[in-house]
Protein backbone atom coordinates (compact mmCIF):
# COMPACT_ATOMS: atom_id res chain seq x y z
CA MET A 1 0.65 0.67 48.39
CA ASP A 2 -1.83 -0.52 51.16
CA LYS A 3 -4.95 -1.07 48.96
CA ALA A 4 -6.86 2.31 49.34
CA GLU A 5 -3.77 4.24 47.89
CA GLU A 6 -4.18 1.23 45.07
CA ALA A 7 -7.78 1.51 44.54
CA LEU A 8 -7.84 5.75 44.26
CA VAL A 9 -4.67 5.16 41.12
CA LYS A 10 -6.87 3.01 38.94
CA ILE A 11 -9.95 4.70 39.55
CA GLU A 12 -7.23 8.68 38.51
CA MET A 13 -6.17 6.27 35.26
CA HIS A 14 -10.03 5.39 34.63
CA GLU A 15 -10.85 9.51 34.90
CA ARG A 16 -8.35 9.88 32.84
CA GLU A 17 -8.87 6.88 29.96
CA CYS A 18 -12.70 8.42 29.67
CA ALA A 19 -11.44 11.66 29.65
CA LEU A 20 -9.49 10.50 25.99
CA ARG A 21 -13.12 9.26 24.62
CA MET A 22 -15.30 11.92 25.96
CA LYS A 23 -12.85 13.77 24.37
CA ALA A 24 -12.84 11.52 20.54
CA ILE A 25 -16.88 11.40 21.26
CA GLU A 26 -17.20 14.81 20.85
CA THR A 27 -14.87 15.39 18.58
CA ARG A 28 -17.07 12.48 16.33
CA LEU A 29 -20.04 14.92 17.45
CA ASP A 30 -19.04 17.81 16.50
CA SER A 31 -17.69 16.36 13.30
CA GLY A 32 -20.89 15.38 12.26
CA ALA A 33 -23.19 17.95 13.10
CA GLU A 34 -21.53 19.51 10.46
CA GLN A 35 -22.05 16.55 7.98
CA PHE A 36 -25.63 17.48 8.52
CA LYS A 37 -25.99 21.13 7.89
CA ARG A 38 -24.49 20.58 4.87
CA GLN A 39 -26.82 17.64 3.62
CA GLU A 40 -29.19 19.78 5.05
CA ARG A 41 -28.37 23.17 3.20
CA MET A 42 -28.54 21.15 -0.49
CA LEU A 43 -31.18 19.81 0.68
CA LEU A 44 -32.54 23.11 0.57
CA ALA A 45 -30.66 24.08 -2.19
CA ILE A 46 -33.06 21.07 -4.66
CA TYR A 47 -36.08 22.69 -3.19
CA PRO A 48 -36.28 25.85 -5.81
CA PHE A 49 -35.13 23.63 -8.23
CA ILE A 50 -38.55 21.34 -7.38
CA LEU A 51 -41.02 23.86 -8.05
CA GLY A 52 -39.75 25.29 -10.54
CA SER A 53 -39.64 22.04 -12.71
CA LEU A 54 -43.14 21.69 -11.22
CA VAL A 55 -44.22 25.17 -12.71
CA PHE A 56 -42.10 24.93 -15.68
CA VAL A 57 -44.30 21.58 -16.43
CA GLU A 58 -47.22 23.00 -16.07
CA TYR A 59 -47.14 26.46 -17.59
CA PHE A 60 -46.05 24.04 -21.49
CA ARG A 61 -48.55 22.15 -21.06
């Protein structure tokens, strides 16, 4: 094998490894996005409780 073929093999191996890494990164990002959406829904669910508490306190003042 000459130097050019050896370099090509190394580049192809590197590309395969990078593709695997990118797939893992995409999976982690998708998982993080799902967690962020869940936290956002929980935060939005708290707002009515906070507003209701303020109204309740003002009503019984």
